[in-house]
Amino acid sequence: MSGTGSATARRSRRARRSAADRGASSTSEPRIRVCIVAPSLDILGGQAVQAQRLLTRLREAPSLDVAFLPVNPRLPGPLRLLQRVKYVRTVVTSVAYGLSLLRELRRHDVVHAFSASYTSFLLAPLPAMLVAKLYGKTVVLNYRSGEAEDHLSRSRRVAVPAMRLADAIVVPSGYLVDVFGRFGLAAHAIFNFVEVERIAYRARPRPRPVFLSNRNLEPLYNVGGVLRAFALIQRHVPEASLIIAGFGSQRTELEALVGSFGLRNVEFVGRVPPEAMPALYDRADVYLNAPDIDNMPNSIIEAYAAGLPVVTSDAGGIPYIVAHERTGLMVRRGDAEGMAAAAVRLLEEPGLAATLAANARAECLAKYVWPAVRGEWERLYAALARPERALAGAGVQPAVEQERRA
């Protein structure tokens, strides 16, 4: 960078700090220092996407000073080569992550740890919680996996007691509130949100037979079920096409399935970064989703924002965000025939796709956007960082009740 460019960058950083300081000084209390601990976008998935969205938005709040600590830190220089070696990668990344926790968490008031299930829980949020408690910090465990019930059942003696270290457990859906309640753990729901301004909305009064699946190619997401449904759709609509976005261990198996079914017009586009996903939503006219296990998939509420009518299985928490025949069409898990019939119905029943899409977008704009959840996060942090405020005032309970009423 040139000297002029460096000076400009320094002035820009000083201006941002000055603006943040002015925002802090306008309040009667010092800013709450929050550290979000989550996967970076090097691990492309729902956790990483939501963490980055939340980080960006929370940094706009004058009452907060928000930092990010990745659970998958990149090693410097030649050491990065070690992260390309299976097994060695896990060891060296875990060591680097642990050292970063010890170095960074002492500086913050609230440690906000994102969490998945099983081994991931042990490797990522649990060390963050332990180090936070070592330093006497407040912990928010933000658990986001649809596999919660199986995880907690299998790990009653480890995971359940470990989660009690958290000062608050936050989940993205009422479904997980109910699951955690069955294990004696109190959780609060704050919904995922989408950046609707980055997703082009298009009305689809007469949907074309252009279908989209964008779940990772792993067994729990049952992309094979989408292919089975599409085989039935293509018998009825020979010109139908299917875009499959995502990556994972089943890529070769799924490509072989396309051949064995004799399918045409199936396109595997591979790993798609978040900023490129809106273009795929715009290409398609019907969204297909067939997971066996799920919680609150970002992809469904993004489809809502895009005006893309949804056909989905009823796995996990999906019935908490999809109302059958109001915001989407829902079928039983594993029911490829039902999914195909619902998809064809969208193509053939006048007005159905348009009605579902309009209802879904209205729900998205009411519940799954930043203005709808911003205050809940800010109030939660304030209640935890300032114990004189009751947690009941954190503003999360109304969201759960709203979801259940819907």
Protein backbone atom coordinates (compact mmCIF):
# COMPACT_ATOMS: atom_id res chain seq x y z
CA MET A 1 0.00 0.00 0.00
CA SER A 2 1.30 3.49 -0.83
CA GLY A 3 2.06 6.05 1.88
CA THR A 4 -1.00 8.04 0.86
CA GLY A 5 -3.17 4.94 1.04
CA SER A 6 -1.80 4.04 4.46
CA ALA A 7 -2.49 7.54 5.76
CA THR A 8 -6.01 7.43 4.39
CA ALA A 9 -6.63 4.05 6.03
CA ARG A 10 -5.28 5.35 9.36
CA ARG A 11 -7.55 8.41 9.19
CA SER A 12 -10.51 6.15 8.39
CA ARG A 13 -9.78 3.91 11.38
CA ARG A 14 -9.39 6.96 13.65
CA ALA A 15 -12.69 8.34 12.39
CA ARG A 16 -14.47 5.05 13.10
CA ARG A 17 -12.98 4.88 16.59
CA SER A 18 -13.95 8.50 17.23
CA ALA A 19 -17.52 7.84 16.09
CA ALA A 20 -17.71 4.76 18.32
CA ASP A 21 -16.34 6.74 21.26
CA ARG A 22 -18.90 9.50 20.70
CA GLY A 23 -21.64 6.85 20.66
CA ALA A 24 -20.32 5.37 23.90
CA SER A 25 -20.03 8.77 25.57
CA SER A 26 -23.64 9.53 24.70
CA THR A 27 -24.78 6.76 27.04
CA SER A 28 -24.61 6.85 30.81
CA GLU A 29 -22.69 3.56 31.07
CA PRO A 30 -19.50 2.23 29.48
CA ARG A 31 -19.78 0.00 26.46
CA ILE A 32 -20.20 -3.72 27.08
CA ARG A 33 -17.25 -5.68 25.67
CA VAL A 34 -18.51 -8.77 23.84
CA CYS A 35 -16.39 -11.46 22.20
CA ILE A 36 -18.14 -13.67 19.65
CA VAL A 37 -16.44 -17.08 19.45
CA ALA A 38 -17.53 -18.94 16.31
CA PRO A 39 -16.33 -20.51 13.07
CA SER A 40 -14.97 -18.11 10.48
CA LEU A 41 -16.17 -18.30 6.90
CA ASP A 42 -13.25 -20.66 6.19
CA ILE A 43 -15.79 -23.22 7.47
CA LEU A 44 -18.73 -22.31 5.27
CA GLY A 45 -22.01 -23.14 6.99
CA GLY A 46 -24.94 -21.70 8.87
CA GLN A 47 -22.98 -20.96 12.05
CA ALA A 48 -20.28 -19.01 10.24
CA VAL A 49 -22.78 -17.05 8.17
CA GLN A 50 -24.93 -16.06 11.14
CA ALA A 51 -21.85 -15.22 13.24
CA GLN A 52 -20.56 -12.82 10.60
CA ARG A 53 -23.97 -11.21 10.14
CA LEU A 54 -24.34 -10.77 13.88
CA LEU A 55 -20.81 -9.43 14.27
CA THR A 56 -21.28 -6.83 11.55
CA ARG A 57 -24.59 -5.60 12.92
CA LEU A 58 -23.63 -5.59 16.61
CA ARG A 59 -20.57 -3.47 15.84
CA GLU A 60 -23.01 -0.71 14.84
CA ALA A 61 -24.48 -0.62 18.37
CA PRO A 62 -23.05 2.31 20.39
CA SER A 63 -23.54 0.43 23.67
CA LEU A 64 -21.34 -2.49 22.58
CA ASP A 65 -17.66 -3.09 21.79
CA VAL A 66 -17.67 -6.36 19.82
CA ALA A 67 -14.72 -8.57 18.86
CA PHE A 68 -14.50 -11.86 16.98
CA LEU A 69 -12.40 -14.91 17.86
CA PRO A 70 -12.47 -17.76 15.32
CA VAL A 71 -12.58 -21.35 16.54
CA ASN A 72 -10.57 -22.23 13.42
CA PRO A 73 -7.65 -19.75 13.52
CA ARG A 74 -5.28 -19.69 10.58
CA LEU A 75 -1.72 -20.50 11.57
CA PRO A 76 0.90 -17.99 10.41
CA GLY A 77 3.32 -18.51 7.54
CA PRO A 78 4.67 -22.03 6.82
CA LEU A 79 2.83 -23.44 9.85
CA ARG A 80 -0.37 -23.10 7.84
CA LEU A 81 0.72 -26.14 5.83
CA LEU A 82 0.08 -28.25 8.95
CA GLN A 83 -3.61 -27.36 8.72
CA ARG A 84 -3.82 -29.23 5.43
CA VAL A 85 -2.83 -32.55 7.03
CA LYS A 86 -5.64 -34.71 8.38
CA TYR A 87 -5.53 -35.28 12.17
CA VAL A 88 -2.51 -32.97 12.49
CA ARG A 89 -4.87 -30.16 11.47
CA THR A 90 -7.16 -30.82 14.43
CA VAL A 91 -4.30 -30.86 16.96
CA VAL A 92 -2.49 -27.72 15.81
CA THR A 93 -5.70 -25.76 15.27
CA SER A 94 -6.95 -26.73 18.75
CA VAL A 95 -3.67 -25.62 20.34
CA ALA A 96 -3.75 -22.30 18.48
CA TYR A 97 -7.40 -21.81 19.42
CA GLY A 98 -6.74 -22.54 23.10
CA LEU A 99 -3.88 -20.04 23.22
CA SER A 100 -6.02 -17.38 21.57
CA LEU A 101 -8.74 -17.94 24.19
CA LEU A 102 -6.24 -17.49 27.02
CA ARG A 103 -4.83 -14.37 25.40
CA GLU A 104 -8.06 -12.64 24.35
CA LEU A 105 -10.98 -13.50 26.65
CA ARG A 106 -9.62 -11.66 29.69
CA ARG A 107 -10.39 -8.40 27.83
CA HIS A 108 -14.15 -8.91 27.52
CA ASP A 109 -17.25 -8.76 29.70
CA VAL A 110 -19.41 -11.28 27.79
CA VAL A 111 -18.17 -14.33 25.89
CA HIS A 112 -20.71 -15.33 23.23
CA ALA A 113 -19.85 -18.87 22.08
CA PHE A 114 -21.53 -20.43 19.05
CA SER A 115 -22.13 -24.17 19.37
CA ALA A 116 -22.89 -27.24 17.31
CA SER A 117 -23.20 -30.82 18.62
CA TYR A 118 -21.09 -33.82 19.57
CA THR A 119 -17.30 -33.48 19.19
CA SER A 120 -17.68 -29.94 17.87
CA PHE A 121 -19.19 -28.92 21.22
CA LEU A 122 -16.16 -30.30 23.05
CA LEU A 123 -13.64 -28.67 20.71
CA ALA A 124 -15.16 -25.22 20.21
CA PRO A 125 -17.62 -23.72 22.76
CA LEU A 126 -16.61 -25.79 25.80
CA PRO A 127 -13.00 -24.52 25.91
CA ALA A 128 -14.31 -20.97 25.46
CA MET A 129 -16.72 -21.41 28.37
CA LEU A 130 -14.03 -22.88 30.62
CA VAL A 131 -11.53 -20.11 29.91
CA ALA A 132 -14.25 -17.47 30.32
CA LYS A 133 -15.17 -18.87 33.72
CA LEU A 134 -11.46 -19.01 34.66
CA TYR A 135 -11.39 -15.26 34.10
CA GLY A 136 -14.75 -14.68 35.80
CA LYS A 137 -16.53 -13.66 32.59
CA THR A 138 -20.18 -13.97 31.65
CA VAL A 139 -21.00 -16.68 29.07
CA VAL A 140 -23.71 -16.87 26.41
CA LEU A 141 -23.91 -20.32 24.82
CA ASN A 142 -25.52 -19.89 21.40
CA TYR A 143 -26.50 -23.46 20.50
CA ARG A 144 -27.60 -23.91 16.88
CA SER A 145 -27.73 -27.62 15.97
CA GLY A 146 -30.79 -29.60 15.00
CA GLU A 147 -29.05 -32.65 16.50
CA ALA A 148 -29.48 -31.27 20.03
CA GLU A 149 -31.83 -33.97 21.32
CA ASP A 150 -29.56 -36.82 20.26
CA HIS A 151 -26.47 -34.96 21.48
CA LEU A 152 -27.93 -34.31 24.93
CA SER A 153 -29.32 -37.84 25.21
CA ARG A 154 -25.92 -39.35 24.44
CA SER A 155 -24.00 -36.91 26.64
CA ARG A 156 -26.15 -36.38 29.72
CA ARG A 157 -23.11 -36.70 31.99
CA VAL A 158 -20.86 -34.32 30.05
CA ALA A 159 -22.74 -31.94 27.77
CA VAL A 160 -25.69 -31.21 30.05
CA PRO A 161 -23.56 -30.29 33.13
CA ALA A 162 -21.14 -28.36 30.90
CA MET A 163 -23.97 -26.27 29.49
CA ARG A 164 -24.89 -25.21 33.00
CA LEU A 165 -21.65 -23.19 32.99
CA ALA A 166 -23.38 -20.74 30.66
CA ASP A 167 -25.12 -17.73 32.19
CA ALA A 168 -27.62 -17.88 29.32
CA ILE A 169 -28.37 -20.43 26.60
CA VAL A 170 -29.66 -18.81 23.43
CA VAL A 171 -31.08 -20.81 20.51
CA PRO A 172 -32.55 -19.68 17.19
CA SER A 173 -35.94 -21.38 17.50
CA GLY A 174 -38.68 -22.39 19.88
CA TYR A 175 -38.00 -25.97 18.79
CA LEU A 176 -34.65 -25.96 20.61
CA VAL A 177 -36.20 -24.18 23.59
CA ASP A 178 -38.49 -27.20 23.92
CA VAL A 179 -35.65 -29.70 23.40
CA PHE A 180 -33.45 -28.09 26.05
CA GLY A 181 -36.39 -27.90 28.44
CA ARG A 182 -36.74 -31.68 28.31
CA PHE A 183 -33.21 -31.92 29.74
CA GLY A 184 -33.80 -29.37 32.48
CA LEU A 185 -31.95 -26.58 30.67
CA ALA A 186 -33.58 -23.16 30.27
CA ALA A 187 -33.00 -21.65 26.83
CA HIS A 188 -34.18 -18.44 25.20
CA ALA A 189 -34.93 -18.01 21.49
CA ILE A 190 -33.55 -15.19 19.38
CA PHE A 191 -34.23 -15.87 15.72
CA ASN A 192 -31.75 -16.04 12.86
CA PHE A 193 -32.01 -13.08 10.52
CA VAL A 194 -31.36 -12.42 6.85
CA GLU A 195 -29.97 -9.39 5.07
CA VAL A 196 -33.05 -8.80 2.94
CA GLU A 197 -31.48 -5.81 1.23
CA ARG A 198 -28.92 -8.17 -0.33
CA ILE A 199 -31.47 -10.68 -1.63
CA ALA A 200 -33.36 -9.72 -4.76
CA TYR A 201 -37.09 -10.29 -4.45
CA ARG A 202 -38.91 -11.61 -7.51
CA ALA A 203 -42.60 -12.49 -7.75
CA ARG A 204 -43.26 -15.88 -9.33
CA PRO A 205 -46.98 -15.95 -10.20
CA ARG A 206 -46.42 -18.86 -12.62
CA PRO A 207 -43.29 -20.72 -11.44
CA ARG A 208 -41.06 -22.31 -14.05
CA PRO A 209 -39.89 -25.89 -13.31
CA VAL A 210 -36.49 -24.63 -12.14
CA PHE A 211 -35.66 -26.09 -8.72
CA LEU A 212 -32.96 -25.31 -6.16
CA SER A 213 -31.37 -27.29 -3.31
CA ASN A 214 -28.58 -25.59 -1.37
CA ARG A 215 -27.87 -27.78 1.66
CA ASN A 216 -24.44 -29.27 2.20
CA LEU A 217 -23.95 -32.72 0.74
CA GLU A 218 -24.00 -34.63 4.03
CA PRO A 219 -26.32 -37.47 5.09
CA LEU A 220 -28.44 -35.50 7.56
CA TYR A 221 -29.52 -33.05 4.82
CA ASN A 222 -30.77 -35.89 2.60
CA VAL A 223 -29.99 -34.29 -0.75
CA GLY A 224 -30.52 -37.78 -2.14
CA GLY A 225 -34.18 -37.35 -1.16
CA VAL A 226 -34.31 -34.20 -3.28
CA LEU A 227 -32.94 -36.18 -6.23
CA ARG A 228 -35.53 -38.93 -5.70
CA ALA A 229 -38.30 -36.33 -5.66
CA PHE A 230 -36.84 -34.64 -8.73
CA ALA A 231 -36.83 -37.95 -10.63
CA LEU A 232 -40.59 -38.13 -10.07
CA ILE A 233 -41.03 -34.47 -10.99
CA GLN A 234 -39.12 -34.97 -14.23
CA ARG A 235 -41.40 -37.83 -15.26
CA HIS A 236 -44.28 -35.35 -15.07
CA VAL A 237 -42.36 -32.29 -16.33
CA PRO A 238 -39.58 -33.51 -18.67
CA GLU A 239 -37.99 -30.07 -19.07
CA ALA A 240 -37.56 -29.58 -15.30
CA SER A 241 -34.08 -28.58 -14.07
CA LEU A 242 -32.39 -28.77 -10.67
CA ILE A 243 -29.53 -26.67 -9.26
CA ILE A 244 -27.64 -28.32 -6.39
CA ALA A 245 -25.43 -25.94 -4.42
CA GLY A 246 -23.25 -27.19 -1.59
CA PHE A 247 -20.30 -29.41 -0.83
CA GLY A 248 -19.66 -32.41 1.37
CA SER A 249 -18.82 -36.08 1.68
CA GLN A 250 -21.70 -37.34 -0.49
CA ARG A 251 -20.83 -35.46 -3.71
CA THR A 252 -19.64 -38.57 -5.61
CA GLU A 253 -22.53 -40.69 -4.34
CA LEU A 254 -25.10 -38.07 -5.35
CA GLU A 255 -23.61 -37.63 -8.80
CA ALA A 256 -23.83 -41.41 -9.25
CA LEU A 257 -27.47 -41.26 -8.15
CA VAL A 258 -28.19 -38.73 -10.91
CA GLY A 259 -26.78 -41.20 -13.43
CA SER A 260 -28.62 -44.20 -12.02
CA PHE A 261 -31.94 -42.31 -12.19
CA GLY A 262 -31.21 -41.12 -15.71
CA LEU A 263 -31.84 -37.53 -14.71
CA ARG A 264 -31.33 -34.59 -17.06
CA ASN A 265 -30.67 -30.93 -16.37
CA VAL A 266 -29.06 -31.44 -12.95
CA GLU A 267 -26.27 -28.98 -12.18
CA PHE A 268 -23.88 -29.35 -9.25
CA VAL A 269 -22.43 -25.89 -8.63
CA GLY A 270 -20.34 -26.82 -5.57
CA ARG A 271 -19.43 -24.55 -2.69
CA VAL A 272 -21.15 -21.18 -2.94
CA PRO A 273 -20.07 -18.23 -0.74
CA PRO A 274 -22.86 -16.31 1.01
CA GLU A 275 -22.51 -13.27 -1.24
CA ALA A 276 -23.15 -15.41 -4.35
CA MET A 277 -26.19 -17.26 -3.00
CA PRO A 278 -28.79 -14.55 -3.84
CA ALA A 279 -28.08 -15.05 -7.54
CA LEU A 280 -28.97 -18.75 -7.21
CA TYR A 281 -32.22 -17.94 -5.41
CA ASP A 282 -33.05 -15.61 -8.29
CA ARG A 283 -32.30 -18.30 -10.91
CA ALA A 284 -34.76 -20.76 -9.38
CA ASP A 285 -38.55 -20.76 -9.06
CA VAL A 286 -39.08 -23.50 -6.43
CA TYR A 287 -36.95 -24.38 -3.40
CA LEU A 288 -36.65 -28.05 -2.36
CA ASN A 289 -35.42 -29.06 1.10
CA ALA A 290 -35.48 -32.67 2.36
CA PRO A 291 -33.40 -32.94 5.57
CA ASP A 292 -33.86 -35.73 8.09
CA ILE A 293 -32.45 -33.56 10.92
CA ASP A 294 -32.68 -29.78 11.13
CA ASN A 295 -33.28 -26.78 13.35
CA MET A 296 -33.90 -23.37 11.74
CA PRO A 297 -32.28 -23.43 8.31
CA ASN A 298 -31.11 -20.04 7.06
CA SER A 299 -31.87 -21.21 3.54
CA ILE A 300 -35.62 -21.34 4.17
CA ILE A 301 -35.87 -17.79 5.47
CA GLU A 302 -33.58 -16.62 2.66
CA ALA A 303 -35.95 -18.28 0.19
CA TYR A 304 -38.77 -16.41 1.94
CA ALA A 305 -36.92 -13.14 1.38
CA ALA A 306 -36.35 -13.94 -2.31
CA GLY A 307 -40.00 -14.78 -3.03
CA LEU A 308 -39.00 -18.38 -3.74
CA PRO A 309 -41.82 -20.81 -2.80
CA VAL A 310 -40.67 -23.56 -0.44
CA VAL A 311 -41.31 -27.31 -0.39
CA THR A 312 -39.67 -28.91 2.63
CA SER A 313 -39.65 -31.90 4.93
CA ASP A 314 -40.95 -31.53 8.48
CA ALA A 315 -37.60 -32.32 10.14
CA GLY A 316 -36.81 -30.95 13.60
CA GLY A 317 -37.61 -27.27 13.98
CA ILE A 318 -38.89 -26.67 10.45
CA PRO A 319 -42.58 -26.81 11.53
CA TYR A 320 -41.76 -23.90 13.86
CA ILE A 321 -40.91 -21.65 10.89
CA VAL A 322 -42.99 -23.12 8.04
CA ALA A 323 -46.77 -23.13 8.24
CA HIS A 324 -48.10 -25.73 5.80
CA GLU A 325 -50.16 -24.15 3.01
CA ARG A 326 -49.58 -20.67 4.46
CA THR A 327 -45.83 -19.98 4.08
CA GLY A 328 -44.78 -23.19 2.32
CA LEU A 329 -45.65 -26.79 1.59
CA MET A 330 -44.43 -29.36 4.10
CA VAL A 331 -44.17 -33.16 3.77
CA ARG A 332 -43.07 -35.96 6.06
CA ARG A 333 -39.37 -36.73 6.34
CA GLY A 334 -38.28 -39.23 3.74
CA ASP A 335 -41.41 -38.78 1.64
CA ALA A 336 -39.96 -38.24 -1.85
CA GLU A 337 -43.34 -38.93 -3.47
CA GLY A 338 -45.00 -36.30 -1.29
CA MET A 339 -42.29 -33.77 -2.07
CA ALA A 340 -42.66 -34.38 -5.81
CA ALA A 341 -46.44 -34.05 -5.62
CA ALA A 342 -46.15 -30.77 -3.67
CA ALA A 343 -43.66 -29.38 -6.18
CA VAL A 344 -45.88 -30.25 -9.13
CA ARG A 345 -48.82 -28.71 -7.29
CA LEU A 346 -46.92 -25.42 -7.09
CA LEU A 347 -46.41 -25.51 -10.84
CA GLU A 348 -50.01 -26.35 -11.69
CA GLU A 349 -52.31 -24.81 -9.06
CA PRO A 350 -53.09 -21.20 -10.06
CA GLY A 351 -52.14 -18.62 -7.44
CA LEU A 352 -50.72 -21.08 -4.90
CA ALA A 353 -47.04 -20.22 -5.34
CA ALA A 354 -47.75 -16.49 -5.32
CA THR A 355 -49.86 -16.72 -2.14
CA LEU A 356 -47.32 -18.82 -0.26
CA ALA A 357 -44.43 -16.58 -1.33
CA ALA A 358 -46.24 -13.39 -0.34
CA ASN A 359 -47.13 -14.79 3.10
CA ALA A 360 -43.60 -16.06 3.60
CA ARG A 361 -41.96 -12.77 2.67
CA ALA A 362 -44.27 -10.86 5.02
CA GLU A 363 -43.32 -13.23 7.84
CA CYS A 364 -39.64 -12.85 7.03
CA LEU A 365 -39.86 -9.05 7.13
CA ALA A 366 -41.72 -9.17 10.44
CA LYS A 367 -39.58 -11.72 12.31
CA TYR A 368 -36.32 -12.62 10.56
CA VAL A 369 -34.62 -9.28 9.91
CA TRP A 370 -32.14 -7.32 12.00
CA PRO A 371 -34.57 -4.68 13.32
CA ALA A 372 -36.72 -7.50 14.74
CA VAL A 373 -33.88 -9.08 16.77
CA ARG A 374 -31.41 -6.26 17.43
CA GLY A 375 -32.96 -5.12 20.69
CA GLU A 376 -33.14 -8.67 22.02
CA TRP A 377 -29.38 -9.13 21.72
CA GLU A 378 -28.57 -5.72 23.19
CA ARG A 379 -30.91 -6.20 26.14
CA LEU A 380 -29.60 -9.70 26.80
CA TYR A 381 -25.97 -8.52 26.92
CA ALA A 382 -26.94 -5.62 29.18
CA ALA A 383 -28.85 -7.87 31.58
CA LEU A 384 -25.95 -10.32 31.81
CA ALA A 385 -23.14 -7.79 32.05
CA ARG A 386 -25.06 -5.72 34.61
CA PRO A 387 -26.51 -8.22 37.11
CA GLU A 388 -28.75 -5.62 38.71
CA ARG A 389 -31.00 -6.03 35.68
CA ALA A 390 -33.18 -9.14 35.70
CA LEU A 391 -32.66 -11.63 32.87
CA ALA A 392 -36.42 -11.60 32.40
CA GLY A 393 -36.02 -8.11 31.01
CA ALA A 394 -33.68 -9.27 28.26
CA GLY A 395 -36.54 -9.32 25.77
CA VAL A 396 -36.13 -12.87 24.47
CA GLN A 397 -39.26 -14.52 25.81
CA PRO A 398 -41.71 -12.62 23.60
CA ALA A 399 -40.00 -14.03 20.50
CA VAL A 400 -40.60 -17.60 21.67
CA GLU A 401 -44.24 -16.87 22.41
CA GLN A 402 -44.65 -15.17 19.03
CA GLU A 403 -43.19 -18.20 17.27
CA ARG A 404 -45.49 -20.63 19.09
CA ARG A 405 -48.55 -18.51 18.28
CA ALA A 406 -47.56 -18.58 14.61
